[in-house]
Amino acid sequence: QVQLVESGGGLVQPGGSLRLSCAASGFTLDYYAIGWFRQAPGKEREGVSCISSSDGNTYYADSVKGRFTISRDNAKNTVYLQMNSLNPEDTAVYYCAGDPGLTGGACVYWNDYEYWGQGTQVTVSS
């Protein structure tokens, strides 16, 4: 059974950092594209970052480029999202998602992910 579990969310002050984890079970992570998404109250879900299965290339939304870093630890079957210089606009529920068919640059096809985690809340506030 394919399962993704996010962790690492919480309350942080503006300018602070958090590292989110997405632990996978039931499949081998390096064969799947993994994406991080977020949804703020009253807003549509947006793709934040993804990492390709085939070549490990990474992609970022303009809103987080230079502040967030996605990485993958195949030994732990876990993908991370390191978030630095957080601001209140980053407040949202963050989800990770996986799909075996989104190879290469297709990991940015945000609407095509098949498997989803339950989400973790990130709140940036003073």
Foldseek 3Di string as FASTA:
>chain_A
DWAWAKDWADEAAAQAKIKMKIAIPPDQQLLKKKWKWWDDPPGDIDTAKIAFSPPRDIDGDPVQPPFWDWDADRVRNMIMIIGGRDDQVPWTWMKMFIDNPQHDPSSNVVVPTDGIHPTDTHGYHD
